[in-house]
Amino acid sequence: MTDLLRVFGFFSLTMALSFAFAYAFTRLKLGRRQVVPPAPDSSLQIASASGSYRSRFLEASREGWRISAPLQRDRFVPLRIGESLVLQSAHAHGVRIFRTEIIGRCPESHTYLLRPPQRVHDVERRSEPRDESVAQMPASVNGVEAILRDISMAGVRLVTSATIAPGDLVRVEASSTRLAADGWVLDSKADSVGSGPARLVRIRLV
């Protein structure tokens, strides 16, 4: 009887360990979200220990992710192999954030090779309520006049004739809302302000 109980206990323990292992493996597999790289030639914002820069995503391959050398004031920024980076890429509803590191570089082509990120963090723009009561209030982008469309805790939409493009780091100010902050230009499209051409710009505040 004792031997039978021991055999039964052994099989029970084995089954319990098998179920526990299977559950842990399933949770781990489900928790690993496939990281989809940004679209080729899309704008990137890069944060490193030395500062914040703009770049472009070039391609994803088995070797890693290749990006153009970061630019600051229209000059290439030298970064070292092994340096940790945080990448920000705009998507339809906000910003996608990746953490990675530099594993190679090519001085001739001014490109860097990055380790493929294991995780991605999405910051959803639509999760932040927009305040449209500020519409038509004056503002400025890099000192150029602008008109607000709406504002939220994380970003602002405005119309301006300032010469800016997705990926640019800009200064946004609006005395009527006490807004004075830097932000990344996520996207822009043709619009008008006054009697001249302009752009409707969406900016993610930092």
C-alpha atoms as a PDB file:
ATOM      1  CA  MET A   1       0.000   0.000   0.000  1.00  0.00           C
ATOM      2  CA  THR A   2       2.851   2.330   0.902  1.00  0.00           C
ATOM      3  CA  ASP A   3       4.602   1.629  -2.421  1.00  0.00           C
ATOM      4  CA  LEU A   4       1.388   2.348  -4.313  1.00  0.00           C
ATOM      5  CA  LEU A   5       1.017   5.671  -2.528  1.00  0.00           C
ATOM      6  CA  ARG A   6       4.597   6.558  -3.337  1.00  0.00           C
ATOM      7  CA  VAL A   7       4.079   5.756  -7.023  1.00  0.00           C
ATOM      8  CA  PHE A   8       0.859   7.774  -7.055  1.00  0.00           C
ATOM      9  CA  GLY A   9       2.589  10.690  -5.341  1.00  0.00           C
ATOM     10  CA  PHE A  10       5.495  10.542  -7.815  1.00  0.00           C
ATOM     11  CA  PHE A  11       3.159  10.668 -10.816  1.00  0.00           C
ATOM     12  CA  SER A  12       1.111  13.467  -9.224  1.00  0.00           C
ATOM     13  CA  LEU A  13       4.247  15.518  -8.668  1.00  0.00           C
ATOM     14  CA  THR A  14       5.424  14.846 -12.216  1.00  0.00           C
ATOM     15  CA  MET A  15       2.081  15.931 -13.661  1.00  0.00           C
ATOM     16  CA  ALA A  16       2.034  19.082 -11.518  1.00  0.00           C
ATOM     17  CA  LEU A  17       5.552  20.046 -12.634  1.00  0.00           C
ATOM     18  CA  SER A  18       4.638  19.385 -16.276  1.00  0.00           C
ATOM     19  CA  PHE A  19       1.562  21.631 -16.067  1.00  0.00           C
ATOM     20  CA  ALA A  20       3.586  24.338 -14.301  1.00  0.00           C
ATOM     21  CA  PHE A  21       6.307  24.228 -16.963  1.00  0.00           C
ATOM     22  CA  ALA A  22       3.776  24.312 -19.797  1.00  0.00           C
ATOM     23  CA  TYR A  23       1.958  27.268 -18.219  1.00  0.00           C
ATOM     24  CA  ALA A  24       5.195  29.214 -17.695  1.00  0.00           C
ATOM     25  CA  PHE A  25       6.346  28.495 -21.269  1.00  0.00           C
ATOM     26  CA  THR A  26       2.993  29.608 -22.697  1.00  0.00           C
ATOM     27  CA  ARG A  27       2.985  32.812 -20.671  1.00  0.00           C
ATOM     28  CA  LEU A  28       6.534  33.569 -21.742  1.00  0.00           C
ATOM     29  CA  LYS A  29       5.734  32.952 -25.395  1.00  0.00           C
ATOM     30  CA  LEU A  30       2.573  35.037 -25.298  1.00  0.00           C
ATOM     31  CA  GLY A  31       4.378  37.823 -23.460  1.00  0.00           C
ATOM     32  CA  ARG A  32       6.909  38.152 -26.256  1.00  0.00           C
ATOM     33  CA  ARG A  33       5.289  40.559 -28.661  1.00  0.00           C
ATOM     34  CA  GLN A  34       6.748  40.511 -32.135  1.00  0.00           C
ATOM     35  CA  VAL A  35       8.673  43.711 -32.712  1.00  0.00           C
ATOM     36  CA  VAL A  36       7.809  45.145 -36.124  1.00  0.00           C
ATOM     37  CA  PRO A  37      10.487  47.532 -37.404  1.00  0.00           C
ATOM     38  CA  PRO A  38       9.610  51.027 -38.647  1.00  0.00           C
ATOM     39  CA  ALA A  39       8.917  51.519 -42.338  1.00  0.00           C
ATOM     40  CA  PRO A  40      12.001  52.062 -44.539  1.00  0.00           C
ATOM     41  CA  ASP A  41      13.042  55.719 -44.808  1.00  0.00           C
ATOM     42  CA  SER A  42      10.808  56.731 -41.893  1.00  0.00           C
ATOM     43  CA  SER A  43      11.926  59.412 -39.449  1.00  0.00           C
ATOM     44  CA  LEU A  44      13.438  58.458 -36.105  1.00  0.00           C
ATOM     45  CA  GLN A  45      14.163  60.381 -32.961  1.00  0.00           C
ATOM     46  CA  ILE A  46      17.161  59.028 -31.068  1.00  0.00           C
ATOM     47  CA  ALA A  47      18.009  59.604 -27.422  1.00  0.00           C
ATOM     48  CA  SER A  48      21.463  58.639 -26.178  1.00  0.00           C
ATOM     49  CA  ALA A  49      23.719  59.537 -23.283  1.00  0.00           C
ATOM     50  CA  SER A  50      25.172  62.363 -25.381  1.00  0.00           C
ATOM     51  CA  GLY A  51      21.857  63.951 -26.426  1.00  0.00           C
ATOM     52  CA  SER A  52      18.822  63.750 -28.701  1.00  0.00           C
ATOM     53  CA  TYR A  53      19.135  63.537 -32.476  1.00  0.00           C
ATOM     54  CA  ARG A  54      17.174  62.828 -35.658  1.00  0.00           C
ATOM     55  CA  SER A  55      17.817  59.969 -38.043  1.00  0.00           C
ATOM     56  CA  ARG A  56      16.108  57.723 -40.585  1.00  0.00           C
ATOM     57  CA  PHE A  57      15.386  54.012 -40.509  1.00  0.00           C
ATOM     58  CA  LEU A  58      16.921  52.245 -43.506  1.00  0.00           C
ATOM     59  CA  GLU A  59      16.348  48.484 -43.272  1.00  0.00           C
ATOM     60  CA  ALA A  60      15.962  45.441 -41.028  1.00  0.00           C
ATOM     61  CA  SER A  61      17.972  42.297 -41.785  1.00  0.00           C
ATOM     62  CA  ARG A  62      19.406  39.268 -40.023  1.00  0.00           C
ATOM     63  CA  GLU A  63      22.398  41.381 -39.071  1.00  0.00           C
ATOM     64  CA  GLY A  64      20.258  43.983 -37.309  1.00  0.00           C
ATOM     65  CA  TRP A  65      18.529  47.298 -37.883  1.00  0.00           C
ATOM     66  CA  ARG A  66      20.382  49.806 -40.013  1.00  0.00           C
ATOM     67  CA  ILE A  67      19.841  53.544 -39.561  1.00  0.00           C
ATOM     68  CA  SER A  68      21.439  56.634 -41.006  1.00  0.00           C
ATOM     69  CA  ALA A  69      23.979  58.411 -38.839  1.00  0.00           C
ATOM     70  CA  PRO A  70      22.164  60.846 -36.511  1.00  0.00           C
ATOM     71  CA  LEU A  71      22.157  64.492 -37.484  1.00  0.00           C
ATOM     72  CA  GLN A  72      22.494  67.577 -35.347  1.00  0.00           C
ATOM     73  CA  ARG A  73      22.579  70.997 -36.998  1.00  0.00           C
ATOM     74  CA  ASP A  74      23.047  69.217 -40.334  1.00  0.00           C
ATOM     75  CA  ARG A  75      26.198  67.446 -39.154  1.00  0.00           C
ATOM     76  CA  PHE A  76      26.685  63.707 -38.560  1.00  0.00           C
ATOM     77  CA  VAL A  77      26.973  62.779 -34.884  1.00  0.00           C
ATOM     78  CA  PRO A  78      29.681  60.232 -33.957  1.00  0.00           C
ATOM     79  CA  LEU A  79      28.346  57.513 -31.635  1.00  0.00           C
ATOM     80  CA  ARG A  80      30.337  54.615 -30.186  1.00  0.00           C
ATOM     81  CA  ILE A  81      29.705  50.902 -30.611  1.00  0.00           C
ATOM     82  CA  GLY A  82      27.967  49.508 -27.533  1.00  0.00           C
ATOM     83  CA  GLU A  83      26.150  52.767 -26.772  1.00  0.00           C
ATOM     84  CA  SER A  84      22.535  52.342 -25.642  1.00  0.00           C
ATOM     85  CA  LEU A  85      19.833  54.152 -27.613  1.00  0.00           C
ATOM     86  CA  VAL A  86      16.118  54.857 -27.303  1.00  0.00           C
ATOM     87  CA  LEU A  87      14.371  55.141 -30.672  1.00  0.00           C
ATOM     88  CA  GLN A  88      11.041  56.883 -31.240  1.00  0.00           C
ATOM     89  CA  SER A  89       9.053  56.280 -34.401  1.00  0.00           C
ATOM     90  CA  ALA A  90       5.706  57.876 -35.215  1.00  0.00           C
ATOM     91  CA  HIS A  91       2.721  55.704 -36.093  1.00  0.00           C
ATOM     92  CA  ALA A  92      -0.941  56.363 -36.833  1.00  0.00           C
ATOM     93  CA  HIS A  93      -2.036  56.850 -33.222  1.00  0.00           C
ATOM     94  CA  GLY A  94       1.068  58.074 -31.435  1.00  0.00           C
ATOM     95  CA  VAL A  95       4.677  57.059 -30.872  1.00  0.00           C
ATOM     96  CA  ARG A  96       6.430  53.685 -30.844  1.00  0.00           C
ATOM     97  CA  ILE A  97       9.455  53.422 -28.537  1.00  0.00           C
ATOM     98  CA  PHE A  98      12.315  50.903 -28.888  1.00  0.00           C
ATOM     99  CA  ARG A  99      15.403  50.302 -26.737  1.00  0.00           C
ATOM    100  CA  THR A 100      18.537  48.991 -28.417  1.00  0.00           C
ATOM    101  CA  GLU A 101      22.312  49.432 -28.740  1.00  0.00           C
ATOM    102  CA  ILE A 102      24.846  50.052 -31.493  1.00  0.00           C
ATOM    103  CA  ILE A 103      26.624  46.903 -32.691  1.00  0.00           C
ATOM    104  CA  GLY A 104      28.352  48.246 -35.804  1.00  0.00           C
ATOM    105  CA  ARG A 105      28.961  51.285 -37.965  1.00  0.00           C
ATOM    106  CA  CYS A 106      30.068  52.132 -41.487  1.00  0.00           C
ATOM    107  CA  PRO A 107      31.910  55.488 -41.767  1.00  0.00           C
ATOM    108  CA  GLU A 108      31.804  55.415 -45.591  1.00  0.00           C
ATOM    109  CA  SER A 109      28.003  55.208 -45.824  1.00  0.00           C
ATOM    110  CA  HIS A 110      27.358  57.114 -42.575  1.00  0.00           C
ATOM    111  CA  THR A 111      25.189  54.324 -41.161  1.00  0.00           C
ATOM    112  CA  TYR A 112      24.896  52.454 -37.875  1.00  0.00           C
ATOM    113  CA  LEU A 113      23.862  48.849 -37.246  1.00  0.00           C
ATOM    114  CA  LEU A 114      21.637  48.305 -34.199  1.00  0.00           C
ATOM    115  CA  ARG A 115      20.755  45.222 -32.225  1.00  0.00           C
ATOM    116  CA  PRO A 116      17.119  44.282 -33.040  1.00  0.00           C
ATOM    117  CA  PRO A 117      14.981  45.413 -30.065  1.00  0.00           C
ATOM    118  CA  GLN A 118      13.290  42.694 -28.035  1.00  0.00           C
ATOM    119  CA  ARG A 119      10.370  44.841 -26.904  1.00  0.00           C
ATOM    120  CA  VAL A 120       8.330  47.781 -28.116  1.00  0.00           C
ATOM    121  CA  HIS A 121       6.317  50.299 -26.115  1.00  0.00           C
ATOM    122  CA  ASP A 122       3.450  52.175 -27.769  1.00  0.00           C
ATOM    123  CA  VAL A 123       2.357  55.566 -26.496  1.00  0.00           C
ATOM    124  CA  GLU A 124      -1.165  56.065 -27.781  1.00  0.00           C
ATOM    125  CA  ARG A 125      -1.997  59.639 -28.688  1.00  0.00           C
ATOM    126  CA  ARG A 126      -5.734  58.982 -28.603  1.00  0.00           C
ATOM    127  CA  SER A 127      -5.547  57.910 -24.955  1.00  0.00           C
ATOM    128  CA  GLU A 128      -4.954  61.569 -24.079  1.00  0.00           C
ATOM    129  CA  PRO A 129      -8.089  63.760 -24.208  1.00  0.00           C
ATOM    130  CA  ARG A 130      -7.785  66.731 -26.538  1.00  0.00           C
ATOM    131  CA  ASP A 131      -8.749  70.239 -25.492  1.00  0.00           C
ATOM    132  CA  GLU A 132     -10.220  71.957 -28.539  1.00  0.00           C
ATOM    133  CA  SER A 133     -11.196  75.089 -26.638  1.00  0.00           C
ATOM    134  CA  VAL A 134      -7.759  76.510 -27.486  1.00  0.00           C
ATOM    135  CA  ALA A 135      -8.496  76.417 -31.227  1.00  0.00           C
ATOM    136  CA  GLN A 136      -7.497  79.606 -33.050  1.00  0.00           C
ATOM    137  CA  MET A 137      -5.353  80.820 -30.144  1.00  0.00           C
ATOM    138  CA  PRO A 138      -1.927  82.204 -31.142  1.00  0.00           C
ATOM    139  CA  ALA A 139       1.271  80.239 -30.607  1.00  0.00           C
ATOM    140  CA  SER A 140       4.749  79.932 -32.068  1.00  0.00           C
ATOM    141  CA  VAL A 141       7.057  77.172 -33.336  1.00  0.00           C
ATOM    142  CA  ASN A 142      10.760  77.984 -33.227  1.00  0.00           C
ATOM    143  CA  GLY A 143       9.743  81.631 -33.034  1.00  0.00           C
ATOM    144  CA  VAL A 144       7.478  81.478 -36.107  1.00  0.00           C
ATOM    145  CA  GLU A 145       3.795  82.368 -35.684  1.00  0.00           C
ATOM    146  CA  ALA A 146       1.304  79.521 -35.415  1.00  0.00           C
ATOM    147  CA  ILE A 147      -2.371  78.919 -34.621  1.00  0.00           C
ATOM    148  CA  LEU A 148      -3.469  76.209 -32.215  1.00  0.00           C
ATOM    149  CA  ARG A 149      -5.971  73.535 -33.217  1.00  0.00           C
ATOM    150  CA  ASP A 150      -6.005  71.446 -30.019  1.00  0.00           C
ATOM    151  CA  ILE A 151      -3.759  70.444 -27.144  1.00  0.00           C
ATOM    152  CA  SER A 152      -3.393  67.516 -24.752  1.00  0.00           C
ATOM    153  CA  MET A 153      -1.117  66.464 -21.908  1.00  0.00           C
ATOM    154  CA  ALA A 154       1.238  64.808 -24.382  1.00  0.00           C
ATOM    155  CA  GLY A 155       1.004  66.821 -27.569  1.00  0.00           C
ATOM    156  CA  VAL A 156      -0.328  69.692 -29.625  1.00  0.00           C
ATOM    157  CA  ARG A 157      -1.740  70.268 -33.111  1.00  0.00           C
ATOM    158  CA  LEU A 158      -1.234  73.605 -34.787  1.00  0.00           C
ATOM    159  CA  VAL A 159      -0.993  75.342 -38.127  1.00  0.00           C
ATOM    160  CA  THR A 160       2.188  77.201 -39.004  1.00  0.00           C
ATOM    161  CA  SER A 161       4.251  78.385 -41.951  1.00  0.00           C
ATOM    162  CA  ALA A 162       7.462  77.420 -40.126  1.00  0.00           C
ATOM    163  CA  THR A 163       9.854  75.284 -42.161  1.00  0.00           C
ATOM    164  CA  ILE A 164       9.819  72.043 -40.171  1.00  0.00           C
ATOM    165  CA  ALA A 165       9.519  68.365 -41.054  1.00  0.00           C
ATOM    166  CA  PRO A 166       8.723  65.074 -39.302  1.00  0.00           C
ATOM    167  CA  GLY A 167      11.602  64.159 -37.019  1.00  0.00           C
ATOM    168  CA  ASP A 168      12.528  67.753 -36.147  1.00  0.00           C
ATOM    169  CA  LEU A 169      12.903  68.807 -32.524  1.00  0.00           C
ATOM    170  CA  VAL A 170      11.085  72.139 -32.101  1.00  0.00           C
ATOM    171  CA  ARG A 171      10.189  74.695 -29.433  1.00  0.00           C
ATOM    172  CA  VAL A 172       6.475  75.340 -28.968  1.00  0.00           C
ATOM    173  CA  GLU A 173       5.151  78.329 -27.020  1.00  0.00           C
ATOM    174  CA  ALA A 174       1.646  79.646 -26.385  1.00  0.00           C
ATOM    175  CA  SER A 175       1.242  82.314 -23.728  1.00  0.00           C
ATOM    176  CA  SER A 176      -2.551  81.876 -23.644  1.00  0.00           C
ATOM    177  CA  THR A 177      -2.156  78.296 -22.352  1.00  0.00           C
ATOM    178  CA  ARG A 178       1.173  78.820 -20.534  1.00  0.00           C
ATOM    179  CA  LEU A 179       2.699  76.299 -22.901  1.00  0.00           C
ATOM    180  CA  ALA A 180       6.469  76.417 -23.317  1.00  0.00           C
ATOM    181  CA  ALA A 181       8.015  73.084 -24.186  1.00  0.00           C
ATOM    182  CA  ASP A 182      10.120  71.172 -26.674  1.00  0.00           C
ATOM    183  CA  GLY A 183       8.591  68.483 -28.853  1.00  0.00           C
ATOM    184  CA  TRP A 184       9.150  66.122 -31.776  1.00  0.00           C
ATOM    185  CA  VAL A 185       7.320  66.751 -35.042  1.00  0.00           C
ATOM    186  CA  LEU A 186       5.374  63.546 -35.749  1.00  0.00           C
ATOM    187  CA  ASP A 187       3.747  64.514 -39.030  1.00  0.00           C
ATOM    188  CA  SER A 188       2.508  67.445 -41.089  1.00  0.00           C
ATOM    189  CA  LYS A 189       0.200  68.015 -44.027  1.00  0.00           C
ATOM    190  CA  ALA A 190      -0.733  70.925 -46.242  1.00  0.00           C
ATOM    191  CA  ASP A 191      -3.061  73.521 -44.748  1.00  0.00           C
ATOM    192  CA  SER A 192      -3.326  77.292 -44.750  1.00  0.00           C
ATOM    193  CA  VAL A 193      -3.015  80.142 -42.317  1.00  0.00           C
ATOM    194  CA  GLY A 194      -4.174  83.659 -43.153  1.00  0.00           C
ATOM    195  CA  SER A 195      -3.661  84.167 -46.875  1.00  0.00           C
ATOM    196  CA  GLY A 196      -0.583  81.982 -47.288  1.00  0.00           C
ATOM    197  CA  PRO A 197       0.309  78.283 -47.406  1.00  0.00           C
ATOM    198  CA  ALA A 198       1.127  76.452 -44.191  1.00  0.00           C
ATOM    199  CA  ARG A 199       1.230  73.012 -42.607  1.00  0.00           C
ATOM    200  CA  LEU A 200      -1.012  71.301 -40.071  1.00  0.00           C
ATOM    201  CA  VAL A 201       1.568  69.886 -37.682  1.00  0.00           C
ATOM    202  CA  ARG A 202       1.266  67.299 -34.917  1.00  0.00           C
ATOM    203  CA  ILE A 203       3.906  67.550 -32.203  1.00  0.00           C
ATOM    204  CA  ARG A 204       4.703  65.139 -29.372  1.00  0.00           C
ATOM    205  CA  LEU A 205       5.827  67.133 -26.319  1.00  0.00           C
ATOM    206  CA  VAL A 206       8.831  65.992 -24.309  1.00  0.00           C
END
